[in-house]
N, C-alpha and C. Protein backbone atom coordinates (compact mmCIF):
# COMPACT_ATOMS: atom_id res chain seq x y z
N MET A 1 71.36 41.53 14.94
CA MET A 1 70.01 41.44 15.46
C MET A 1 69.75 40.05 16.02
N SER A 2 70.15 39.01 15.26
CA SER A 2 69.89 37.64 15.71
C SER A 2 70.74 37.30 16.93
N GLN A 3 71.90 37.96 17.07
CA GLN A 3 72.72 37.70 18.25
C GLN A 3 72.04 38.22 19.51
N SER A 4 71.39 39.37 19.43
CA SER A 4 70.70 39.90 20.61
C SER A 4 69.50 39.03 20.97
N ILE A 5 68.83 38.47 19.97
CA ILE A 5 67.70 37.58 20.25
C ILE A 5 68.21 36.31 20.91
N ASN A 6 69.32 35.77 20.44
CA ASN A 6 69.89 34.58 21.07
C ASN A 6 70.30 34.88 22.50
N GLY A 7 70.83 36.07 22.73
CA GLY A 7 71.20 36.46 24.09
C GLY A 7 69.99 36.52 24.99
N LEU A 8 68.87 37.03 24.47
CA LEU A 8 67.64 37.09 25.26
C LEU A 8 67.12 35.69 25.57
N ASN A 9 67.23 34.77 24.62
CA ASN A 9 66.78 33.41 24.85
C ASN A 9 67.60 32.77 25.97
N GLN A 10 68.91 32.99 25.95
CA GLN A 10 69.75 32.43 27.00
C GLN A 10 69.43 33.07 28.35
N LEU A 11 69.16 34.35 28.35
CA LEU A 11 68.82 35.05 29.58
C LEU A 11 67.50 34.54 30.14
N SER A 12 66.52 34.32 29.30
CA SER A 12 65.23 33.83 29.79
C SER A 12 65.37 32.41 30.33
N LYS A 13 66.22 31.58 29.72
CA LYS A 13 66.44 30.23 30.25
C LYS A 13 67.11 30.30 31.61
N LEU A 14 68.02 31.23 31.79
CA LEU A 14 68.70 31.39 33.07
C LEU A 14 67.70 31.80 34.15
N ASN A 15 66.83 32.76 33.85
CA ASN A 15 65.83 33.20 34.81
C ASN A 15 64.85 32.09 35.16
N ILE A 16 64.45 31.29 34.18
CA ILE A 16 63.54 30.17 34.43
C ILE A 16 64.20 29.16 35.36
N ASN A 17 65.49 28.89 35.15
CA ASN A 17 66.20 27.95 36.02
C ASN A 17 66.27 28.47 37.45
N LYS A 18 66.47 29.77 37.62
CA LYS A 18 66.51 30.36 38.96
C LYS A 18 65.15 30.24 39.64
N ILE A 19 64.10 30.51 38.90
CA ILE A 19 62.75 30.43 39.46
C ILE A 19 62.42 29.00 39.84
N GLU A 20 62.77 28.04 38.99
CA GLU A 20 62.50 26.65 39.30
C GLU A 20 63.24 26.19 40.54
N SER A 21 64.48 26.64 40.73
CA SER A 21 65.22 26.25 41.92
C SER A 21 64.62 26.87 43.17
N LYS A 22 64.09 28.09 43.07
CA LYS A 22 63.43 28.71 44.22
C LYS A 22 62.15 27.96 44.56
N ILE A 23 61.41 27.52 43.55
CA ILE A 23 60.19 26.77 43.80
C ILE A 23 60.50 25.45 44.47
N GLU A 24 61.56 24.77 44.03
CA GLU A 24 61.94 23.50 44.65
C GLU A 24 62.35 23.70 46.10
N ASN A 25 63.01 24.81 46.42
CA ASN A 25 63.42 25.07 47.79
C ASN A 25 62.24 25.36 48.69
N THR A 26 61.14 25.86 48.17
CA THR A 26 59.98 26.17 49.00
C THR A 26 59.03 25.00 49.16
N ASP A 27 59.26 23.91 48.45
CA ASP A 27 58.38 22.76 48.55
C ASP A 27 58.39 22.14 49.94
N ASN A 28 59.52 22.21 50.65
CA ASN A 28 59.62 21.55 51.94
C ASN A 28 59.29 22.48 53.10
N LEU A 29 58.81 23.70 52.83
CA LEU A 29 58.43 24.62 53.88
C LEU A 29 57.05 24.26 54.41
N SER A 30 56.92 24.30 55.73
CA SER A 30 55.62 24.06 56.33
C SER A 30 54.95 25.40 56.61
N PHE A 31 53.66 25.33 56.88
CA PHE A 31 52.94 26.56 57.21
C PHE A 31 53.52 27.19 58.46
N LYS A 32 53.91 26.35 59.40
CA LYS A 32 54.48 26.84 60.65
C LYS A 32 55.73 27.67 60.39
N SER A 33 56.62 27.19 59.53
CA SER A 33 57.85 27.93 59.26
C SER A 33 57.57 29.23 58.50
N ILE A 34 56.60 29.20 57.60
CA ILE A 34 56.23 30.41 56.87
C ILE A 34 55.66 31.44 57.83
N PHE A 35 54.80 30.99 58.74
CA PHE A 35 54.19 31.89 59.71
C PHE A 35 55.24 32.45 60.67
N GLU A 36 56.16 31.59 61.12
CA GLU A 36 57.24 32.06 62.01
C GLU A 36 58.12 33.08 61.31
N ASN A 37 58.42 32.85 60.04
CA ASN A 37 59.23 33.82 59.28
C ASN A 37 58.50 35.15 59.16
N ALA A 38 57.19 35.10 58.94
CA ALA A 38 56.42 36.34 58.83
C ALA A 38 56.42 37.09 60.16
N VAL A 39 56.28 36.37 61.26
CA VAL A 39 56.31 37.01 62.58
C VAL A 39 57.69 37.62 62.84
N ASN A 40 58.74 36.87 62.55
CA ASN A 40 60.09 37.38 62.76
C ASN A 40 60.39 38.60 61.88
N ASP A 41 59.92 38.57 60.64
CA ASP A 41 60.12 39.71 59.74
C ASP A 41 59.42 40.95 60.29
N TYR A 42 58.20 40.75 60.81
CA TYR A 42 57.48 41.88 61.37
C TYR A 42 58.19 42.44 62.60
N VAL A 43 58.64 41.56 63.48
CA VAL A 43 59.33 42.00 64.70
C VAL A 43 60.60 42.76 64.34
N GLN A 44 61.37 42.24 63.39
CA GLN A 44 62.59 42.93 62.98
C GLN A 44 62.29 44.29 62.36
N ALA A 45 61.27 44.36 61.53
CA ALA A 45 60.91 45.63 60.89
C ALA A 45 60.44 46.64 61.94
N GLU A 46 59.66 46.17 62.90
CA GLU A 46 59.17 47.07 63.94
C GLU A 46 60.31 47.54 64.84
N ASN A 47 61.25 46.66 65.14
CA ASN A 47 62.42 47.06 65.94
C ASN A 47 63.26 48.09 65.21
N LYS A 48 63.39 47.93 63.89
CA LYS A 48 64.14 48.90 63.10
C LYS A 48 63.47 50.27 63.12
N VAL A 49 62.15 50.28 63.04
CA VAL A 49 61.41 51.55 63.09
C VAL A 49 61.59 52.19 64.46
N ASP A 50 61.49 51.39 65.53
CA ASP A 50 61.69 51.93 66.88
C ASP A 50 63.08 52.53 67.04
N GLU A 51 64.07 51.83 66.51
CA GLU A 51 65.45 52.33 66.57
C GLU A 51 65.61 53.63 65.79
N ASP A 52 65.00 53.69 64.60
CA ASP A 52 65.08 54.91 63.79
C ASP A 52 64.38 56.08 64.48
N ILE A 53 63.24 55.81 65.11
CA ILE A 53 62.53 56.87 65.83
C ILE A 53 63.36 57.37 67.00
N TYR A 54 63.98 56.45 67.72
CA TYR A 54 64.82 56.84 68.86
C TYR A 54 65.98 57.72 68.39
N LYS A 55 66.64 57.31 67.31
CA LYS A 55 67.76 58.08 66.79
C LYS A 55 67.32 59.45 66.29
N LEU A 56 66.14 59.50 65.68
CA LEU A 56 65.65 60.78 65.18
C LEU A 56 65.29 61.73 66.33
N THR A 57 64.66 61.20 67.38
CA THR A 57 64.25 62.07 68.49
C THR A 57 65.42 62.50 69.35
N THR A 58 66.48 61.70 69.43
CA THR A 58 67.64 62.08 70.23
C THR A 58 68.65 62.90 69.44
N GLY A 59 68.41 63.07 68.16
CA GLY A 59 69.30 63.87 67.34
C GLY A 59 70.49 63.11 66.78
N GLU A 60 70.55 61.80 66.98
CA GLU A 60 71.65 61.00 66.44
C GLU A 60 71.55 60.87 64.92
N SER A 61 70.35 61.05 64.40
CA SER A 61 70.13 60.91 62.97
C SER A 61 69.13 61.95 62.52
N ASP A 62 69.23 62.34 61.27
CA ASP A 62 68.24 63.24 60.69
C ASP A 62 67.66 62.63 59.41
N ASP A 63 67.67 61.30 59.36
CA ASP A 63 67.27 60.56 58.17
C ASP A 63 65.78 60.19 58.24
N LEU A 64 64.94 61.16 58.01
CA LEU A 64 63.49 60.95 58.04
C LEU A 64 63.03 60.08 56.88
N HIS A 65 63.73 60.18 55.77
CA HIS A 65 63.36 59.42 54.56
C HIS A 65 63.40 57.91 54.83
N ASN A 66 64.51 57.41 55.39
CA ASN A 66 64.61 55.97 55.68
C ASN A 66 63.65 55.55 56.78
N LEU A 67 63.35 56.45 57.72
CA LEU A 67 62.36 56.14 58.75
C LEU A 67 61.00 55.87 58.11
N MET A 68 60.62 56.69 57.16
CA MET A 68 59.34 56.49 56.49
C MET A 68 59.33 55.20 55.65
N ILE A 69 60.44 54.91 55.01
CA ILE A 69 60.54 53.66 54.23
C ILE A 69 60.43 52.47 55.16
N ASN A 70 61.14 52.49 56.28
CA ASN A 70 61.09 51.39 57.23
C ASN A 70 59.71 51.26 57.87
N THR A 71 59.02 52.39 58.05
CA THR A 71 57.66 52.34 58.58
C THR A 71 56.74 51.63 57.59
N GLN A 72 56.88 51.93 56.32
CA GLN A 72 56.07 51.26 55.30
C GLN A 72 56.38 49.76 55.23
N LYS A 73 57.66 49.41 55.36
CA LYS A 73 58.03 47.99 55.37
C LYS A 73 57.39 47.28 56.55
N SER A 74 57.38 47.95 57.70
CA SER A 74 56.77 47.37 58.89
C SER A 74 55.27 47.18 58.69
N GLU A 75 54.62 48.16 58.09
CA GLU A 75 53.19 48.04 57.83
C GLU A 75 52.89 46.91 56.86
N LEU A 76 53.71 46.76 55.84
CA LEU A 76 53.52 45.66 54.89
C LEU A 76 53.73 44.30 55.55
N SER A 77 54.71 44.23 56.45
CA SER A 77 54.95 42.98 57.17
C SER A 77 53.76 42.63 58.04
N LEU A 78 53.18 43.64 58.68
CA LEU A 78 52.00 43.41 59.51
C LEU A 78 50.82 42.98 58.65
N ASP A 79 50.63 43.61 57.50
CA ASP A 79 49.55 43.21 56.59
C ASP A 79 49.71 41.76 56.15
N LEU A 80 50.92 41.37 55.80
CA LEU A 80 51.18 39.99 55.41
C LEU A 80 50.86 39.04 56.55
N LEU A 81 51.29 39.38 57.74
CA LEU A 81 51.04 38.54 58.91
C LEU A 81 49.54 38.39 59.16
N LEU A 82 48.81 39.48 59.04
CA LEU A 82 47.35 39.41 59.24
C LEU A 82 46.68 38.57 58.17
N GLN A 83 47.14 38.68 56.93
CA GLN A 83 46.57 37.87 55.86
C GLN A 83 46.85 36.38 56.07
N LEU A 84 48.05 36.07 56.54
CA LEU A 84 48.37 34.66 56.84
C LEU A 84 47.47 34.14 57.95
N ARG A 85 47.26 34.97 58.98
CA ARG A 85 46.38 34.57 60.08
C ARG A 85 44.97 34.34 59.57
N ASN A 86 44.47 35.25 58.74
CA ASN A 86 43.12 35.12 58.21
C ASN A 86 42.97 33.86 57.37
N LYS A 87 43.98 33.55 56.56
CA LYS A 87 43.93 32.34 55.74
C LYS A 87 43.95 31.09 56.62
N ALA A 88 44.72 31.12 57.69
CA ALA A 88 44.77 29.98 58.60
C ALA A 88 43.42 29.78 59.29
N ILE A 89 42.80 30.87 59.70
CA ILE A 89 41.47 30.77 60.33
C ILE A 89 40.44 30.27 59.34
N ASP A 90 40.49 30.75 58.10
CA ASP A 90 39.56 30.27 57.07
C ASP A 90 39.75 28.78 56.81
N ALA A 91 40.99 28.33 56.75
CA ALA A 91 41.27 26.91 56.54
C ALA A 91 40.76 26.08 57.70
N TYR A 92 40.96 26.56 58.92
CA TYR A 92 40.48 25.86 60.11
C TYR A 92 38.96 25.75 60.08
N ASN A 93 38.28 26.84 59.76
CA ASN A 93 36.81 26.82 59.69
C ASN A 93 36.33 25.89 58.60
N GLU A 94 37.05 25.83 57.50
CA GLU A 94 36.69 24.92 56.42
C GLU A 94 36.81 23.46 56.86
N VAL A 95 37.85 23.16 57.62
CA VAL A 95 38.03 21.79 58.14
C VAL A 95 36.90 21.45 59.10
N LEU A 96 36.48 22.41 59.90
CA LEU A 96 35.39 22.17 60.84
C LEU A 96 34.07 21.86 60.13
N ARG A 97 33.89 22.39 58.93
CA ARG A 97 32.64 22.18 58.19
C ARG A 97 32.61 20.83 57.47
N ILE A 98 33.72 20.12 57.45
CA ILE A 98 33.75 18.83 56.77
C ILE A 98 32.93 17.82 57.56
N ASN A 99 32.03 17.13 56.89
CA ASN A 99 31.24 16.09 57.54
C ASN A 99 31.99 14.79 57.53
N VAL A 100 32.05 14.17 58.69
CA VAL A 100 32.78 12.90 58.80
C VAL A 100 31.83 11.75 58.73
């Protein structure tokens, strides 16, 4: 029993180290790079959906399941992009309200 608990402690330390390294890697990201990544992710997801639709309509594929999954991924990418845009606009408006 105590061996499994020790194993869990080591596992949790490993996961914490991975999370900390990911946080350190994101410290040097600018808003511009995050926004560009979101735009690129959306474009790639939308292109994948277009490709899947083309293959489905021409009969090259009958994989409707993955088409629906890719459509949902594309919608989520668009939602993320819109939320980033909204946050940027809110931040800009907040800066405009600052009295100098």
